[in-house]
Every structure is written in structure tokens, then in C-alpha cells.
């Protein structure tokens, strides 16, 4: 989903959270998050994360310390990492949702 949001003819490097990071940090799972009743929320979260994790141009493996896997899709270079890049405001909103679900 993240890669489909980017223009395919421009060079980008994307630091994509691993499946474990999506579950742990964003509370998103492949089996549940793409159901019709959750798809719009998932799309909004993924597009917000993409804003933090897509870098114009190409960063090679040597320039990315926490990267696990290099994958290339046309002009897009993907590094899978065990974490999620986000600003403090977005992190707070994710944590607030967790607090609401626990009540």
C-alpha cells in the first residue's frame, strides 16, 4: 500500500516499518487492517507514516544504519526497518487510541 502511494517514475527511498513494527507500534495487522470497515483508517495511518519515511532520491544500504532489507521497485528503493518514523504529535495520537481502547 505504501509504495502504491508514490509516483512510480520518480526516485524515492522509503524506510518501511516491518510487519512486526506495524503491529507493535501502530496496532495494524495484515489480516485485520485491510477489512472494509477498517480500510480507510489504515489508509490514513499509512499515508501519514509515508510522509515521514519517504525521502526523495536514493539512499544506499551503506547510508542507512537500521535497515534490514533492500528492495527496489522501479525508481523506489525500500529499506525495511524494525520501527516506525513519526513525529511526536502522531505518536501521541497512537498512544491516546491505545488508552481509549483499554478503558
C-alpha atoms as a PDB file:
ATOM      1  CA  UNK A   1       0.000   0.000   0.000  1.00  0.00           C
ATOM      2  CA  UNK A   2       2.778   2.473   0.896  1.00  0.00           C
ATOM      3  CA  UNK A   3       4.617   2.038  -2.371  1.00  0.00           C
ATOM      4  CA  UNK A   4       1.460   2.391  -4.435  1.00  0.00           C
ATOM      5  CA  UNK A   5       1.011   5.894  -2.984  1.00  0.00           C
ATOM      6  CA  UNK A   6       4.277   7.118  -4.538  1.00  0.00           C
ATOM      7  CA  UNK A   7       4.800   8.191  -8.148  1.00  0.00           C
ATOM      8  CA  UNK A   8       6.457   5.255  -9.895  1.00  0.00           C
ATOM      9  CA  UNK A   9       8.638   7.366 -12.194  1.00  0.00           C
ATOM     10  CA  UNK A  10      10.485   9.366  -9.510  1.00  0.00           C
ATOM     11  CA  UNK A  11      13.338   8.165  -7.310  1.00  0.00           C
ATOM     12  CA  UNK A  12      12.466   7.733  -3.634  1.00  0.00           C
ATOM     13  CA  UNK A  13      13.938   5.870  -0.708  1.00  0.00           C
ATOM     14  CA  UNK A  14      11.277   4.551   1.655  1.00  0.00           C
ATOM     15  CA  UNK A  15      12.015   3.393   5.192  1.00  0.00           C
ATOM     16  CA  UNK A  16       9.151   0.947   5.598  1.00  0.00           C
ATOM     17  CA  UNK A  17       8.251  -0.449   9.012  1.00  0.00           C
ATOM     18  CA  UNK A  18       8.479  -4.228   9.269  1.00  0.00           C
ATOM     19  CA  UNK A  19       5.307  -6.241   9.805  1.00  0.00           C
ATOM     20  CA  UNK A  20       6.259  -6.566  13.478  1.00  0.00           C
ATOM     21  CA  UNK A  21       6.704  -2.775  13.756  1.00  0.00           C
ATOM     22  CA  UNK A  22       3.285  -2.176  12.182  1.00  0.00           C
ATOM     23  CA  UNK A  23       1.744  -4.497  14.792  1.00  0.00           C
ATOM     24  CA  UNK A  24       3.745  -3.276  17.780  1.00  0.00           C
ATOM     25  CA  UNK A  25       3.921   0.470  17.122  1.00  0.00           C
ATOM     26  CA  UNK A  26       0.807   1.193  15.036  1.00  0.00           C
ATOM     27  CA  UNK A  27      -1.508  -1.654  16.108  1.00  0.00           C
ATOM     28  CA  UNK A  28      -2.047  -2.627  12.458  1.00  0.00           C
ATOM     29  CA  UNK A  29      -2.129  -6.231  11.254  1.00  0.00           C
ATOM     30  CA  UNK A  30      -2.328  -7.511   7.708  1.00  0.00           C
ATOM     31  CA  UNK A  31      -5.251  -9.812   8.453  1.00  0.00           C
ATOM     32  CA  UNK A  32      -7.383  -7.219  10.228  1.00  0.00           C
ATOM     33  CA  UNK A  33      -6.407  -3.745   8.984  1.00  0.00           C
ATOM     34  CA  UNK A  34      -7.461  -4.245   5.372  1.00  0.00           C
ATOM     35  CA  UNK A  35     -11.022  -5.319   6.148  1.00  0.00           C
ATOM     36  CA  UNK A  36     -13.568  -2.976   4.534  1.00  0.00           C
ATOM     37  CA  UNK A  37     -14.630  -1.412   7.853  1.00  0.00           C
ATOM     38  CA  UNK A  38     -11.002  -0.539   8.762  1.00  0.00           C
ATOM     39  CA  UNK A  39      -9.518   0.189   5.336  1.00  0.00           C
ATOM     40  CA  UNK A  40      -9.999   3.984   5.424  1.00  0.00           C
ATOM     41  CA  UNK A  41      -8.372   4.287   8.860  1.00  0.00           C
ATOM     42  CA  UNK A  42      -5.498   2.066   7.759  1.00  0.00           C
ATOM     43  CA  UNK A  43      -5.027   4.117   4.584  1.00  0.00           C
ATOM     44  CA  UNK A  44      -4.909   7.347   6.606  1.00  0.00           C
ATOM     45  CA  UNK A  45      -2.309   5.946   9.028  1.00  0.00           C
ATOM     46  CA  UNK A  46      -0.137   4.503   6.258  1.00  0.00           C
ATOM     47  CA  UNK A  47      -0.236   7.743   4.246  1.00  0.00           C
ATOM     48  CA  UNK A  48       0.787   9.713   7.353  1.00  0.00           C
ATOM     49  CA  UNK A  49       3.694   7.329   8.005  1.00  0.00           C
ATOM     50  CA  UNK A  50       4.727   7.615   4.356  1.00  0.00           C
ATOM     51  CA  UNK A  51       5.113  11.366   4.850  1.00  0.00           C
ATOM     52  CA  UNK A  52       7.785  10.700   7.471  1.00  0.00           C
ATOM     53  CA  UNK A  53       9.501   7.770   5.822  1.00  0.00           C
ATOM     54  CA  UNK A  54       9.774   8.655   2.117  1.00  0.00           C
ATOM     55  CA  UNK A  55      12.923  10.514   1.093  1.00  0.00           C
ATOM     56  CA  UNK A  56      13.381  11.938  -2.414  1.00  0.00           C
ATOM     57  CA  UNK A  57      16.345  10.294  -4.126  1.00  0.00           C
ATOM     58  CA  UNK A  58      18.195   7.120  -3.316  1.00  0.00           C
ATOM     59  CA  UNK A  59      19.902   6.283  -0.021  1.00  0.00           C
ATOM     60  CA  UNK A  60      22.087   3.234  -0.359  1.00  0.00           C
ATOM     61  CA  UNK A  61      22.459   0.408   2.129  1.00  0.00           C
ATOM     62  CA  UNK A  62      25.646   1.955   3.483  1.00  0.00           C
ATOM     63  CA  UNK A  63      23.821   5.185   4.407  1.00  0.00           C
ATOM     64  CA  UNK A  64      21.013   3.517   6.377  1.00  0.00           C
ATOM     65  CA  UNK A  65      22.129   2.024   9.693  1.00  0.00           C
ATOM     66  CA  UNK A  66      18.924   0.290  10.879  1.00  0.00           C
ATOM     67  CA  UNK A  67      17.915  -1.197   7.537  1.00  0.00           C
ATOM     68  CA  UNK A  68      17.130  -4.884   7.254  1.00  0.00           C
ATOM     69  CA  UNK A  69      16.337  -5.498   3.585  1.00  0.00           C
ATOM     70  CA  UNK A  70      16.949  -3.623   0.347  1.00  0.00           C
ATOM     71  CA  UNK A  71      14.234  -3.968  -2.265  1.00  0.00           C
ATOM     72  CA  UNK A  72      13.966  -1.987  -5.473  1.00  0.00           C
ATOM     73  CA  UNK A  73      10.676  -1.341  -7.279  1.00  0.00           C
ATOM     74  CA  UNK A  74      11.378   0.700 -10.418  1.00  0.00           C
ATOM     75  CA  UNK A  75      12.763   4.011  -9.133  1.00  0.00           C
ATOM     76  CA  UNK A  76      11.841   3.321  -5.492  1.00  0.00           C
ATOM     77  CA  UNK A  77      14.373   1.834  -3.075  1.00  0.00           C
ATOM     78  CA  UNK A  78      12.840   0.232   0.020  1.00  0.00           C
ATOM     79  CA  UNK A  79      14.562  -0.366   3.344  1.00  0.00           C
ATOM     80  CA  UNK A  80      12.551  -2.429   5.855  1.00  0.00           C
ATOM     81  CA  UNK A  81      13.233  -1.434   9.453  1.00  0.00           C
ATOM     82  CA  UNK A  82      12.115  -2.572  12.884  1.00  0.00           C
ATOM     83  CA  UNK A  83      10.461   0.673  13.868  1.00  0.00           C
ATOM     84  CA  UNK A  84       8.249   3.488  12.641  1.00  0.00           C
ATOM     85  CA  UNK A  85       9.385   7.022  11.857  1.00  0.00           C
ATOM     86  CA  UNK A  86       6.797   9.508  13.129  1.00  0.00           C
ATOM     87  CA  UNK A  87       6.620  12.867  14.836  1.00  0.00           C
ATOM     88  CA  UNK A  88       5.702  13.289  18.496  1.00  0.00           C
ATOM     89  CA  UNK A  89       2.185  14.540  17.730  1.00  0.00           C
ATOM     90  CA  UNK A  90       1.343  11.446  15.672  1.00  0.00           C
ATOM     91  CA  UNK A  91       2.908   9.155  18.280  1.00  0.00           C
ATOM     92  CA  UNK A  92       0.743  10.802  20.950  1.00  0.00           C
ATOM     93  CA  UNK A  93      -2.383  10.179  18.856  1.00  0.00           C
ATOM     94  CA  UNK A  94      -1.470   6.492  18.525  1.00  0.00           C
ATOM     95  CA  UNK A  95      -0.849   6.226  22.279  1.00  0.00           C
ATOM     96  CA  UNK A  96      -4.124   8.031  23.012  1.00  0.00           C
ATOM     97  CA  UNK A  97      -6.019   5.484  20.917  1.00  0.00           C
ATOM     98  CA  UNK A  98      -4.426   2.711  22.987  1.00  0.00           C
ATOM     99  CA  UNK A  99      -5.520   4.394  26.219  1.00  0.00           C
ATOM    100  CA  UNK A 100      -9.081   4.694  24.899  1.00  0.00           C
ATOM    101  CA  UNK A 101      -9.206   1.019  23.880  1.00  0.00           C
ATOM    102  CA  UNK A 102      -8.007  -0.094  27.337  1.00  0.00           C
ATOM    103  CA  UNK A 103     -10.829   1.761  29.161  1.00  0.00           C
END
